[in-house]
Amino acid sequence: MAIIMRTGLIAAALLVGAAGVARAETLDVKIPFAFVVHGQTLPAGDYRLDTEGPVVLLRGEHGNKAGVVFTMVPARGLDPAGDAPVLTFTHAETQYRLDTIWQSATKGGSVRN
């Protein structure tokens, strides 16, 4: 499990697979807590992220019907997990908010909330 902590920033998503087709990329993740993305609260569980350019489709897997479509802007800096794909979350009060999606050391996007 990739866990990165920095000044209120938490990354805690288990990335169980990654595949790329043309420009579209897919990541399968296990998120161990409920979280907010684009104003929608999603439950803990297994998710598939399909990205094509700045557009992301995040959908639940294995009976988890939750899902949302949102856009990203290029993230600043470098992947906090080195070159491994990782999701980062900001923890504020009692909720986690999806903050960035990193696909490699230098390729990442900030979620537009």
PDB file of N, CA and C in Angstrom:
ATOM      1  N   MET A   1       0.849  -1.169   0.000  1.00  0.00           N
ATOM      2  CA  MET A   1       0.000   0.000   0.000  1.00  0.00           C
ATOM      3  C   MET A   1       0.893   1.229   0.000  1.00  0.00           C
ATOM      4  N   ALA A   2       0.604   2.175  -0.875  1.00  0.00           N
ATOM      5  CA  ALA A   2       1.370   3.407  -0.943  1.00  0.00           C
ATOM      6  C   ALA A   2       0.767   4.407   0.023  1.00  0.00           C
ATOM      7  N   ILE A   3       1.561   4.829   1.011  1.00  0.00           N
ATOM      8  CA  ILE A   3       1.087   5.814   1.968  1.00  0.00           C
ATOM      9  C   ILE A   3       2.106   6.935   2.047  1.00  0.00           C
ATOM     10  N   ILE A   4       1.666   8.142   1.744  1.00  0.00           N
ATOM     11  CA  ILE A   4       2.524   9.314   1.791  1.00  0.00           C
ATOM     12  C   ILE A   4       1.867  10.327   2.717  1.00  0.00           C
ATOM     13  N   MET A   5       2.621  10.848   3.690  1.00  0.00           N
ATOM     14  CA  MET A   5       2.075  11.864   4.574  1.00  0.00           C
ATOM     15  C   MET A   5       2.939  13.113   4.485  1.00  0.00           C
ATOM     16  N   ARG A   6       2.307  14.251   4.296  1.00  0.00           N
ATOM     17  CA  ARG A   6       2.968  15.534   4.314  1.00  0.00           C
ATOM     18  C   ARG A   6       1.968  16.580   4.748  1.00  0.00           C
ATOM     19  N   THR A   7       2.277  17.328   5.737  1.00  0.00           N
ATOM     20  CA  THR A   7       1.476  18.450   6.184  1.00  0.00           C
ATOM     21  C   THR A   7       0.001  18.326   5.826  1.00  0.00           C
ATOM     22  N   GLY A   8      -0.651  17.383   6.405  1.00  0.00           N
ATOM     23  CA  GLY A   8      -2.078  17.200   6.179  1.00  0.00           C
ATOM     24  C   GLY A   8      -2.427  16.496   4.887  1.00  0.00           C
ATOM     25  N   LEU A   9      -1.437  16.011   4.145  1.00  0.00           N
ATOM     26  CA  LEU A   9      -1.696  15.326   2.883  1.00  0.00           C
ATOM     27  C   LEU A   9      -1.477  13.834   3.093  1.00  0.00           C
ATOM     28  N   ILE A  10      -2.465  13.025   2.725  1.00  0.00           N
ATOM     29  CA  ILE A  10      -2.354  11.584   2.921  1.00  0.00           C
ATOM     30  C   ILE A  10      -2.630  10.878   1.610  1.00  0.00           C
ATOM     31  N   ALA A  11      -1.758   9.960   1.256  1.00  0.00           N
ATOM     32  CA  ALA A  11      -2.000   9.104   0.096  1.00  0.00           C
ATOM     33  C   ALA A  11      -2.184   7.704   0.640  1.00  0.00           C
ATOM     34  N   ALA A  12      -3.324   7.119   0.376  1.00  0.00           N
ATOM     35  CA  ALA A  12      -3.578   5.789   0.904  1.00  0.00           C
ATOM     36  C   ALA A  12      -4.465   5.018  -0.054  1.00  0.00           C
ATOM     37  N   ALA A  13      -3.928   4.649  -1.149  1.00  0.00           N
ATOM     38  CA  ALA A  13      -4.679   3.849  -2.113  1.00  0.00           C
ATOM     39  C   ALA A  13      -3.782   2.720  -2.572  1.00  0.00           C
ATOM     40  N   LEU A  14      -4.296   1.537  -2.522  1.00  0.00           N
ATOM     41  CA  LEU A  14      -3.545   0.380  -2.976  1.00  0.00           C
ATOM     42  C   LEU A  14      -3.779   0.243  -4.472  1.00  0.00           C
ATOM     43  N   LEU A  15      -2.724   0.389  -5.222  1.00  0.00           N
ATOM     44  CA  LEU A  15      -2.829   0.278  -6.668  1.00  0.00           C
ATOM     45  C   LEU A  15      -2.551  -1.161  -7.050  1.00  0.00           C
ATOM     46  N   VAL A  16      -3.572  -1.841  -7.551  1.00  0.00           N
ATOM     47  CA  VAL A  16      -3.444  -3.261  -7.831  1.00  0.00           C
ATOM     48  C   VAL A  16      -3.217  -3.573  -9.299  1.00  0.00           C
ATOM     49  N   GLY A  17      -3.236  -2.577 -10.141  1.00  0.00           N
ATOM     50  CA  GLY A  17      -2.974  -2.853 -11.552  1.00  0.00           C
ATOM     51  C   GLY A  17      -2.959  -1.583 -12.353  1.00  0.00           C
ATOM     52  N   ALA A  18      -2.215  -1.587 -13.435  1.00  0.00           N
ATOM     53  CA  ALA A  18      -2.176  -0.443 -14.324  1.00  0.00           C
ATOM     54  C   ALA A  18      -2.026  -0.945 -15.744  1.00  0.00           C
ATOM     55  N   ALA A  19      -2.773  -0.346 -16.651  1.00  0.00           N
ATOM     56  CA  ALA A  19      -2.670  -0.724 -18.056  1.00  0.00           C
ATOM     57  C   ALA A  19      -2.901   0.502 -18.901  1.00  0.00           C
ATOM     58  N   GLY A  20      -2.215   0.606 -20.019  1.00  0.00           N
ATOM     59  CA  GLY A  20      -2.399   1.742 -20.902  1.00  0.00           C
ATOM     60  C   GLY A  20      -2.803   1.284 -22.281  1.00  0.00           C
ATOM     61  N   VAL A  21      -3.727   2.003 -22.873  1.00  0.00           N
ATOM     62  CA  VAL A  21      -4.149   1.732 -24.236  1.00  0.00           C
ATOM     63  C   VAL A  21      -4.157   3.069 -24.951  1.00  0.00           C
ATOM     64  N   ALA A  22      -3.328   3.204 -25.978  1.00  0.00           N
ATOM     65  CA  ALA A  22      -3.197   4.460 -26.696  1.00  0.00           C
ATOM     66  C   ALA A  22      -2.915   5.558 -25.684  1.00  0.00           C
ATOM     67  N   ARG A  23      -3.759   6.597 -25.659  1.00  0.00           N
ATOM     68  CA  ARG A  23      -3.561   7.682 -24.712  1.00  0.00           C
ATOM     69  C   ARG A  23      -4.355   7.463 -23.433  1.00  0.00           C
ATOM     70  N   ALA A  24      -5.296   6.567 -23.449  1.00  0.00           N
ATOM     71  CA  ALA A  24      -6.094   6.295 -22.254  1.00  0.00           C
ATOM     72  C   ALA A  24      -5.282   5.428 -21.292  1.00  0.00           C
ATOM     73  N   GLU A  25      -5.463   5.672 -19.993  1.00  0.00           N
ATOM     74  CA  GLU A  25      -4.775   4.881 -18.983  1.00  0.00           C
ATOM     75  C   GLU A  25      -5.794   4.399 -17.958  1.00  0.00           C
ATOM     76  N   THR A  26      -5.547   3.203 -17.421  1.00  0.00           N
ATOM     77  CA  THR A  26      -6.442   2.623 -16.432  1.00  0.00           C
ATOM     78  C   THR A  26      -5.644   2.237 -15.193  1.00  0.00           C
ATOM     79  N   LEU A  27      -6.175   2.565 -14.023  1.00  0.00           N
ATOM     80  CA  LEU A  27      -5.592   2.152 -12.752  1.00  0.00           C
ATOM     81  C   LEU A  27      -6.692   1.508 -11.926  1.00  0.00           C
ATOM     82  N   ASP A  28      -6.409   0.372 -11.317  1.00  0.00           N
ATOM     83  CA  ASP A  28      -7.316  -0.263 -10.371  1.00  0.00           C
ATOM     84  C   ASP A  28      -6.783   0.041  -8.981  1.00  0.00           C
ATOM     85  N   VAL A  29      -7.638   0.582  -8.109  1.00  0.00           N
ATOM     86  CA  VAL A  29      -7.205   0.998  -6.778  1.00  0.00           C
ATOM     87  C   VAL A  29      -8.155   0.484  -5.705  1.00  0.00           C
ATOM     88  N   LYS A  30      -7.620   0.325  -4.507  1.00  0.00           N
ATOM     89  CA  LYS A  30      -8.430  -0.011  -3.327  1.00  0.00           C
ATOM     90  C   LYS A  30      -8.251   1.155  -2.364  1.00  0.00           C
ATOM     91  N   ILE A  31      -9.339   1.845  -2.074  1.00  0.00           N
ATOM     92  CA  ILE A  31      -9.288   3.008  -1.179  1.00  0.00           C
ATOM     93  C   ILE A  31      -9.949   2.586   0.135  1.00  0.00           C
ATOM     94  N   PRO A  32      -9.191   2.608   1.240  1.00  0.00           N
ATOM     95  CA  PRO A  32      -9.673   2.043   2.505  1.00  0.00           C
ATOM     96  C   PRO A  32     -10.566   2.961   3.348  1.00  0.00           C
ATOM     97  N   PHE A  33     -11.001   4.083   2.793  1.00  0.00           N
ATOM     98  CA  PHE A  33     -11.832   5.010   3.550  1.00  0.00           C
ATOM     99  C   PHE A  33     -12.771   5.748   2.595  1.00  0.00           C
ATOM    100  N   ALA A  34     -13.862   6.288   3.132  1.00  0.00           N
ATOM    101  CA  ALA A  34     -14.758   7.116   2.332  1.00  0.00           C
ATOM    102  C   ALA A  34     -14.009   8.397   1.967  1.00  0.00           C
ATOM    103  N   PHE A  35     -14.344   8.969   0.807  1.00  0.00           N
ATOM    104  CA  PHE A  35     -13.641  10.166   0.354  1.00  0.00           C
ATOM    105  C   PHE A  35     -14.548  11.013  -0.523  1.00  0.00           C
ATOM    106  N   VAL A  36     -14.165  12.281  -0.703  1.00  0.00           N
ATOM    107  CA  VAL A  36     -14.928  13.221  -1.513  1.00  0.00           C
ATOM    108  C   VAL A  36     -14.138  13.523  -2.781  1.00  0.00           C
ATOM    109  N   VAL A  37     -14.835  13.495  -3.911  1.00  0.00           N
ATOM    110  CA  VAL A  37     -14.241  13.912  -5.180  1.00  0.00           C
ATOM    111  C   VAL A  37     -15.318  14.651  -5.958  1.00  0.00           C
ATOM    112  N   HIS A  38     -14.968  15.824  -6.428  1.00  0.00           N
ATOM    113  CA  HIS A  38     -15.871  16.653  -7.225  1.00  0.00           C
ATOM    114  C   HIS A  38     -17.234  16.830  -6.546  1.00  0.00           C
ATOM    115  N   GLY A  39     -17.193  17.052  -5.231  1.00  0.00           N
ATOM    116  CA  GLY A  39     -18.404  17.306  -4.464  1.00  0.00           C
ATOM    117  C   GLY A  39     -19.241  16.091  -4.117  1.00  0.00           C
ATOM    118  N   GLN A  40     -18.777  14.909  -4.487  1.00  0.00           N
ATOM    119  CA  GLN A  40     -19.532  13.680  -4.223  1.00  0.00           C
ATOM    120  C   GLN A  40     -18.760  12.801  -3.240  1.00  0.00           C
ATOM    121  N   THR A  41     -19.445  12.297  -2.208  1.00  0.00           N
ATOM    122  CA  THR A  41     -18.808  11.397  -1.245  1.00  0.00           C
ATOM    123  C   THR A  41     -18.972   9.967  -1.731  1.00  0.00           C
ATOM    124  N   LEU A  42     -17.840   9.272  -1.827  1.00  0.00           N
ATOM    125  CA  LEU A  42     -17.829   7.879  -2.275  1.00  0.00           C
ATOM    126  C   LEU A  42     -17.371   6.988  -1.132  1.00  0.00           C
ATOM    127  N   PRO A  43     -17.887   5.760  -1.056  1.00  0.00           N
ATOM    128  CA  PRO A  43     -17.513   4.853   0.033  1.00  0.00           C
ATOM    129  C   PRO A  43     -16.140   4.218  -0.193  1.00  0.00           C
ATOM    130  N   ALA A  44     -15.578   3.685   0.864  1.00  0.00           N
ATOM    131  CA  ALA A  44     -14.347   2.906   0.747  1.00  0.00           C
ATOM    132  C   ALA A  44     -14.618   1.738  -0.190  1.00  0.00           C
ATOM    133  N   GLY A  45     -13.590   1.294  -0.913  1.00  0.00           N
ATOM    134  CA  GLY A  45     -13.784   0.145  -1.784  1.00  0.00           C
ATOM    135  C   GLY A  45     -12.820   0.107  -2.949  1.00  0.00           C
ATOM    136  N   ASP A  46     -13.087  -0.801  -3.870  1.00  0.00           N
ATOM    137  CA  ASP A  46     -12.275  -0.985  -5.073  1.00  0.00           C
ATOM    138  C   ASP A  46     -12.819  -0.090  -6.175  1.00  0.00           C
ATOM    139  N   TYR A  47     -11.900   0.596  -6.860  1.00  0.00           N
ATOM    140  CA  TYR A  47     -12.282   1.513  -7.923  1.00  0.00           C
ATOM    141  C   TYR A  47     -11.391   1.320  -9.141  1.00  0.00           C
ATOM    142  N   ARG A  48     -11.926   1.690 -10.287  1.00  0.00           N
ATOM    143  CA  ARG A  48     -11.164   1.728 -11.536  1.00  0.00           C
ATOM    144  C   ARG A  48     -11.160   3.174 -12.006  1.00  0.00           C
ATOM    145  N   LEU A  49      -9.950   3.696 -12.290  1.00  0.00           N
ATOM    146  CA  LEU A  49      -9.799   5.036 -12.832  1.00  0.00           C
ATOM    147  C   LEU A  49      -9.406   4.911 -14.288  1.00  0.00           C
ATOM    148  N   ASP A  50     -10.220   5.461 -15.170  1.00  0.00           N
ATOM    149  CA  ASP A  50      -9.897   5.516 -16.589  1.00  0.00           C
ATOM    150  C   ASP A  50      -9.636   6.976 -16.918  1.00  0.00           C
ATOM    151  N   THR A  51      -8.420   7.273 -17.372  1.00  0.00           N
ATOM    152  CA  THR A  51      -8.079   8.655 -17.707  1.00  0.00           C
ATOM    153  C   THR A  51      -7.749   8.765 -19.184  1.00  0.00           C
ATOM    154  N   GLU A  52      -8.224   9.833 -19.775  1.00  0.00           N
ATOM    155  CA  GLU A  52      -7.863  10.171 -21.145  1.00  0.00           C
ATOM    156  C   GLU A  52      -7.692  11.678 -21.176  1.00  0.00           C
ATOM    157  N   GLY A  53      -6.435  12.100 -21.254  1.00  0.00           N
ATOM    158  CA  GLY A  53      -6.157  13.526 -21.146  1.00  0.00           C
ATOM    159  C   GLY A  53      -6.548  14.000 -19.759  1.00  0.00           C
ATOM    160  N   PRO A  54      -7.257  15.129 -19.675  1.00  0.00           N
ATOM    161  CA  PRO A  54      -7.635  15.654 -18.362  1.00  0.00           C
ATOM    162  C   PRO A  54      -8.917  15.045 -17.786  1.00  0.00           C
ATOM    163  N   VAL A  55      -9.598  14.180 -18.536  1.00  0.00           N
ATOM    164  CA  VAL A  55     -10.878  13.621 -18.088  1.00  0.00           C
ATOM    165  C   VAL A  55     -10.667  12.274 -17.396  1.00  0.00           C
ATOM    166  N   VAL A  56     -11.302  12.131 -16.239  1.00  0.00           N
ATOM    167  CA  VAL A  56     -11.184  10.897 -15.442  1.00  0.00           C
ATOM    168  C   VAL A  56     -12.577  10.337 -15.178  1.00  0.00           C
ATOM    169  N   LEU A  57     -12.730   9.044 -15.409  1.00  0.00           N
ATOM    170  CA  LEU A  57     -13.933   8.319 -15.006  1.00  0.00           C
ATOM    171  C   LEU A  57     -13.508   7.423 -13.847  1.00  0.00           C
ATOM    172  N   LEU A  58     -14.062   7.676 -12.672  1.00  0.00           N
ATOM    173  CA  LEU A  58     -13.789   6.885 -11.476  1.00  0.00           C
ATOM    174  C   LEU A  58     -15.050   6.094 -11.190  1.00  0.00           C
ATOM    175  N   ARG A  59     -14.956   4.771 -11.237  1.00  0.00           N
ATOM    176  CA  ARG A  59     -16.145   3.945 -11.020  1.00  0.00           C
ATOM    177  C   ARG A  59     -15.830   2.794 -10.076  1.00  0.00           C
ATOM    178  N   GLY A  60     -16.838   2.420  -9.316  1.00  0.00           N
ATOM    179  CA  GLY A  60     -16.692   1.334  -8.362  1.00  0.00           C
ATOM    180  C   GLY A  60     -16.586  -0.009  -9.052  1.00  0.00           C
ATOM    181  N   GLU A  61     -15.916  -0.935  -8.394  1.00  0.00           N
ATOM    182  CA  GLU A  61     -15.731  -2.296  -8.899  1.00  0.00           C
ATOM    183  C   GLU A  61     -16.359  -3.283  -7.919  1.00  0.00           C
ATOM    184  N   HIS A  62     -16.603  -4.489  -8.363  1.00  0.00           N
ATOM    185  CA  HIS A  62     -17.060  -5.592  -7.507  1.00  0.00           C
ATOM    186  C   HIS A  62     -18.327  -5.246  -6.732  1.00  0.00           C
ATOM    187  N   GLY A  63     -19.349  -4.771  -7.410  1.00  0.00           N
ATOM    188  CA  GLY A  63     -20.614  -4.478  -6.759  1.00  0.00           C
ATOM    189  C   GLY A  63     -20.728  -3.075  -6.196  1.00  0.00           C
ATOM    190  N   ASN A  64     -19.634  -2.338  -6.150  1.00  0.00           N
ATOM    191  CA  ASN A  64     -19.643  -0.957  -5.686  1.00  0.00           C
ATOM    192  C   ASN A  64     -20.143  -0.103  -6.847  1.00  0.00           C
ATOM    193  N   LYS A  65     -21.343   0.437  -6.734  1.00  0.00           N
ATOM    194  CA  LYS A  65     -21.981   1.164  -7.836  1.00  0.00           C
ATOM    195  C   LYS A  65     -21.576   2.635  -7.910  1.00  0.00           C
ATOM    196  N   ALA A  66     -20.763   3.114  -6.963  1.00  0.00           N
ATOM    197  CA  ALA A  66     -20.390   4.523  -6.938  1.00  0.00           C
ATOM    198  C   ALA A  66     -19.546   4.889  -8.148  1.00  0.00           C
ATOM    199  N   GLY A  67     -19.663   6.138  -8.589  1.00  0.00           N
ATOM    200  CA  GLY A  67     -18.841   6.596  -9.694  1.00  0.00           C
ATOM    201  C   GLY A  67     -19.011   8.075  -9.936  1.00  0.00           C
ATOM    202  N   VAL A  68     -18.030   8.679 -10.603  1.00  0.00           N
ATOM    203  CA  VAL A  68     -18.058  10.104 -10.904  1.00  0.00           C
ATOM    204  C   VAL A  68     -17.099  10.385 -12.059  1.00  0.00           C
ATOM    205  N   VAL A  69     -17.427  11.391 -12.860  1.00  0.00           N
ATOM    206  CA  VAL A  69     -16.549  11.862 -13.933  1.00  0.00           C
ATOM    207  C   VAL A  69     -16.086  13.254 -13.543  1.00  0.00           C
ATOM    208  N   PHE A  70     -14.777  13.532 -13.706  1.00  0.00           N
ATOM    209  CA  PHE A  70     -14.243  14.841 -13.357  1.00  0.00           C
ATOM    210  C   PHE A  70     -13.027  15.138 -14.221  1.00  0.00           C
ATOM    211  N   THR A  71     -12.526  16.361 -14.120  1.00  0.00           N
ATOM    212  CA  THR A  71     -11.339  16.746 -14.885  1.00  0.00           C
ATOM    213  C   THR A  71     -10.198  17.087 -13.930  1.00  0.00           C
ATOM    214  N   MET A  72      -8.980  17.031 -14.486  1.00  0.00           N
ATOM    215  CA  MET A  72      -7.786  17.359 -13.726  1.00  0.00           C
ATOM    216  C   MET A  72      -7.000  18.442 -14.466  1.00  0.00           C
ATOM    217  N   VAL A  73      -6.145  19.126 -13.724  1.00  0.00           N
ATOM    218  CA  VAL A  73      -5.173  20.043 -14.302  1.00  0.00           C
ATOM    219  C   VAL A  73      -3.798  19.469 -13.960  1.00  0.00           C
ATOM    220  N   PRO A  74      -2.762  19.748 -14.762  1.00  0.00           N
ATOM    221  CA  PRO A  74      -1.436  19.193 -14.454  1.00  0.00           C
ATOM    222  C   PRO A  74      -1.008  19.532 -13.027  1.00  0.00           C
ATOM    223  N   ALA A  75      -0.483  18.535 -12.333  1.00  0.00           N
ATOM    224  CA  ALA A  75      -0.023  18.726 -10.956  1.00  0.00           C
ATOM    225  C   ALA A  75       1.377  19.318 -10.955  1.00  0.00           C
ATOM    226  N   ARG A  76       1.664  20.080  -9.931  1.00  0.00           N
ATOM    227  CA  ARG A  76       3.009  20.639  -9.752  1.00  0.00           C
ATOM    228  C   ARG A  76       3.835  19.673  -8.926  1.00  0.00           C
ATOM    229  N   GLY A  77       5.132  19.664  -9.179  1.00  0.00           N
ATOM    230  CA  GLY A  77       6.026  18.844  -8.388  1.00  0.00           C
ATOM    231  C   GLY A  77       6.223  17.464  -8.963  1.00  0.00           C
ATOM    232  N   LEU A  78       6.574  16.535  -8.071  1.00  0.00           N
ATOM    233  CA  LEU A  78       6.868  15.161  -8.458  1.00  0.00           C
ATOM    234  C   LEU A  78       6.014  14.196  -7.663  1.00  0.00           C
ATOM    235  N   ASP A  79       5.860  12.988  -8.196  1.00  0.00           N
ATOM    236  CA  ASP A  79       5.114  11.920  -7.541  1.00  0.00           C
ATOM    237  C   ASP A  79       5.708  11.674  -6.154  1.00  0.00           C
ATOM    238  N   PRO A  80       4.906  11.794  -5.087  1.00  0.00           N
ATOM    239  CA  PRO A  80       5.427  11.565  -3.739  1.00  0.00           C
ATOM    240  C   PRO A  80       5.837  10.119  -3.478  1.00  0.00           C
ATOM    241  N   ALA A  81       5.451   9.194  -4.354  1.00  0.00           N
ATOM    242  CA  ALA A  81       5.826   7.786  -4.180  1.00  0.00           C
ATOM    243  C   ALA A  81       6.947   7.395  -5.142  1.00  0.00           C
ATOM    244  N   GLY A  82       7.678   8.365  -5.667  1.00  0.00           N
ATOM    245  CA  GLY A  82       8.734   8.046  -6.624  1.00  0.00           C
ATOM    246  C   GLY A  82       8.156   7.895  -8.009  1.00  0.00           C
ATOM    247  N   ASP A  83       8.288   6.702  -8.584  1.00  0.00           N
ATOM    248  CA  ASP A  83       7.774   6.466  -9.934  1.00  0.00           C
ATOM    249  C   ASP A  83       6.535   5.566  -9.923  1.00  0.00           C
ATOM    250  N   ALA A  84       6.046   5.235  -8.743  1.00  0.00           N
ATOM    251  CA  ALA A  84       4.879   4.350  -8.634  1.00  0.00           C
ATOM    252  C   ALA A  84       3.589   5.161  -8.743  1.00  0.00           C
ATOM    253  N   PRO A  85       2.572   4.624  -9.410  1.00  0.00           N
ATOM    254  CA  PRO A  85       1.278   5.308  -9.440  1.00  0.00           C
ATOM    255  C   PRO A  85       0.731   5.444  -8.020  1.00  0.00           C
ATOM    256  N   VAL A  86       0.123   6.587  -7.719  1.00  0.00           N
ATOM    257  CA  VAL A  86      -0.411   6.823  -6.380  1.00  0.00           C
ATOM    258  C   VAL A  86      -1.509   7.879  -6.440  1.00  0.00           C
ATOM    259  N   LEU A  87      -2.466   7.762  -5.538  1.00  0.00           N
ATOM    260  CA  LEU A  87      -3.476   8.794  -5.336  1.00  0.00           C
ATOM    261  C   LEU A  87      -3.123   9.498  -4.035  1.00  0.00           C
ATOM    262  N   THR A  88      -3.294  10.818  -3.997  1.00  0.00           N
ATOM    263  CA  THR A  88      -3.069  11.538  -2.748  1.00  0.00           C
ATOM    264  C   THR A  88      -4.389  12.150  -2.298  1.00  0.00           C
ATOM    265  N   PHE A  89      -4.561  12.193  -0.988  1.00  0.00           N
ATOM    266  CA  PHE A  89      -5.788  12.703  -0.385  1.00  0.00           C
ATOM    267  C   PHE A  89      -5.424  13.762   0.639  1.00  0.00           C
ATOM    268  N   THR A  90      -6.273  14.767   0.773  1.00  0.00           N
ATOM    269  CA  THR A  90      -6.139  15.763   1.824  1.00  0.00           C
ATOM    270  C   THR A  90      -7.154  15.404   2.897  1.00  0.00           C
ATOM    271  N   HIS A  91      -6.701  15.367   4.147  1.00  0.00           N
ATOM    272  CA  HIS A  91      -7.594  15.052   5.261  1.00  0.00           C
ATOM    273  C   HIS A  91      -7.911  16.347   5.996  1.00  0.00           C
ATOM    274  N   ALA A  92      -9.180  16.689   6.053  1.00  0.00           N
ATOM    275  CA  ALA A  92      -9.628  17.891   6.754  1.00  0.00           C
ATOM    276  C   ALA A  92     -10.794  17.507   7.649  1.00  0.00           C
ATOM    277  N   GLU A  93     -10.650  17.786   8.926  1.00  0.00           N
ATOM    278  CA  GLU A  93     -11.656  17.457   9.929  1.00  0.00           C
ATOM    279  C   GLU A  93     -12.013  15.980   9.873  1.00  0.00           C
ATOM    280  N   THR A  94     -13.172  15.620   9.353  1.00  0.00           N
ATOM    281  CA  THR A  94     -13.599  14.223   9.378  1.00  0.00           C
ATOM    282  C   THR A  94     -13.686  13.581   7.997  1.00  0.00           C
ATOM    283  N   GLN A  95     -13.143  14.240   6.963  1.00  0.00           N
ATOM    284  CA  GLN A  95     -13.254  13.657   5.625  1.00  0.00           C
ATOM    285  C   GLN A  95     -11.937  13.723   4.858  1.00  0.00           C
ATOM    286  N   TYR A  96     -11.820  12.811   3.904  1.00  0.00           N
ATOM    287  CA  TYR A  96     -10.691  12.784   2.985  1.00  0.00           C
ATOM    288  C   TYR A  96     -11.180  13.302   1.641  1.00  0.00           C
ATOM    289  N   ARG A  97     -10.331  14.085   0.952  1.00  0.00           N
ATOM    290  CA  ARG A  97     -10.675  14.615  -0.362  1.00  0.00           C
ATOM    291  C   ARG A  97      -9.591  14.176  -1.339  1.00  0.00           C
ATOM    292  N   LEU A  98      -9.999  13.577  -2.462  1.00  0.00           N
ATOM    293  CA  LEU A  98      -9.042  13.186  -3.487  1.00  0.00           C
ATOM    294  C   LEU A  98      -8.381  14.444  -4.018  1.00  0.00           C
ATOM    295  N   ASP A  99      -7.053  14.473  -3.973  1.00  0.00           N
ATOM    296  CA  ASP A  99      -6.302  15.673  -4.315  1.00  0.00           C
ATOM    297  C   ASP A  99      -5.567  15.534  -5.648  1.00  0.00           C
ATOM    298  N   THR A 100      -4.738  14.483  -5.783  1.00  0.00           N
ATOM    299  CA  THR A 100      -3.990  14.282  -7.024  1.00  0.00           C
ATOM    300  C   THR A 100      -3.957  12.815  -7.411  1.00  0.00           C
ATOM    301  N   ILE A 101      -3.754  12.590  -8.702  1.00  0.00           N
ATOM    302  CA  ILE A 101      -3.560  11.255  -9.248  1.00  0.00           C
ATOM    303  C   ILE A 101      -2.227  11.286  -9.981  1.00  0.00           C
ATOM    304  N   TRP A 102      -1.276  10.483  -9.512  1.00  0.00           N
ATOM    305  CA  TRP A 102       0.050  10.398 -10.128  1.00  0.00           C
ATOM    306  C   TRP A 102       0.166   9.071 -10.856  1.00  0.00           C
ATOM    307  N   GLN A 103       0.515   9.122 -12.146  1.00  0.00           N
ATOM    308  CA  GLN A 103       0.684   7.912 -12.939  1.00  0.00           C
ATOM    309  C   GLN A 103       2.150   7.532 -13.102  1.00  0.00           C
ATOM    310  N   SER A 104       3.052   8.497 -12.894  1.00  0.00           N
ATOM    311  CA  SER A 104       4.494   8.246 -12.950  1.00  0.00           C
ATOM    312  C   SER A 104       5.187   9.367 -12.175  1.00  0.00           C
ATOM    313  N   ALA A 105       6.509   9.348 -12.153  1.00  0.00           N
ATOM    314  CA  ALA A 105       7.270  10.326 -11.376  1.00  0.00           C
ATOM    315  C   ALA A 105       6.948  11.763 -11.734  1.00  0.00           C
ATOM    316  N   THR A 106       6.680  12.032 -12.998  1.00  0.00           N
ATOM    317  CA  THR A 106       6.455  13.420 -13.426  1.00  0.00           C
ATOM    318  C   THR A 106       5.078  13.647 -14.041  1.00  0.00           C
ATOM    319  N   LYS A 107       4.267  12.605 -14.174  1.00  0.00           N
ATOM    320  CA  LYS A 107       2.948  12.743 -14.797  1.00  0.00           C
ATOM    321  C   LYS A 107       1.864  12.607 -13.747  1.00  0.00           C
ATOM    322  N   GLY A 108       1.269  13.742 -13.400  1.00  0.00           N
ATOM    323  CA  GLY A 108       0.211  13.739 -12.401  1.00  0.00           C
ATOM    324  C   GLY A 108      -0.789  14.838 -12.656  1.00  0.00           C
ATOM    325  N   GLY A 109      -1.961  14.686 -12.081  1.00  0.00           N
ATOM    326  CA  GLY A 109      -2.995  15.685 -12.243  1.00  0.00           C
ATOM    327  C   GLY A 109      -3.669  16.008 -10.926  1.00  0.00           C
ATOM    328  N   SER A 110      -3.965  17.295 -10.730  1.00  0.00           N
ATOM    329  CA  SER A 110      -4.719  17.745  -9.563  1.00  0.00           C
ATOM    330  C   SER A 110      -6.199  17.718  -9.903  1.00  0.00           C
ATOM    331  N   VAL A 111      -6.991  17.205  -8.987  1.00  0.00           N
ATOM    332  CA  VAL A 111      -8.433  17.101  -9.196  1.00  0.00           C
ATOM    333  C   VAL A 111      -9.050  18.476  -9.103  1.00  0.00           C
ATOM    334  N   ARG A 112      -9.895  18.804 -10.065  1.00  0.00           N
ATOM    335  CA  ARG A 112     -10.620  20.083 -10.025  1.00  0.00           C
ATOM    336  C   ARG A 112     -11.904  19.846  -9.247  1.00  0.00           C
ATOM    337  N   ASN A 113     -11.939  20.325  -8.028  1.00  0.00           N
ATOM    338  CA  ASN A 113     -13.123  20.129  -7.177  1.00  0.00           C
ATOM    339  C   ASN A 113     -14.061  21.263  -7.306  1.00  0.00           C
TER     340      ASN A 113
END
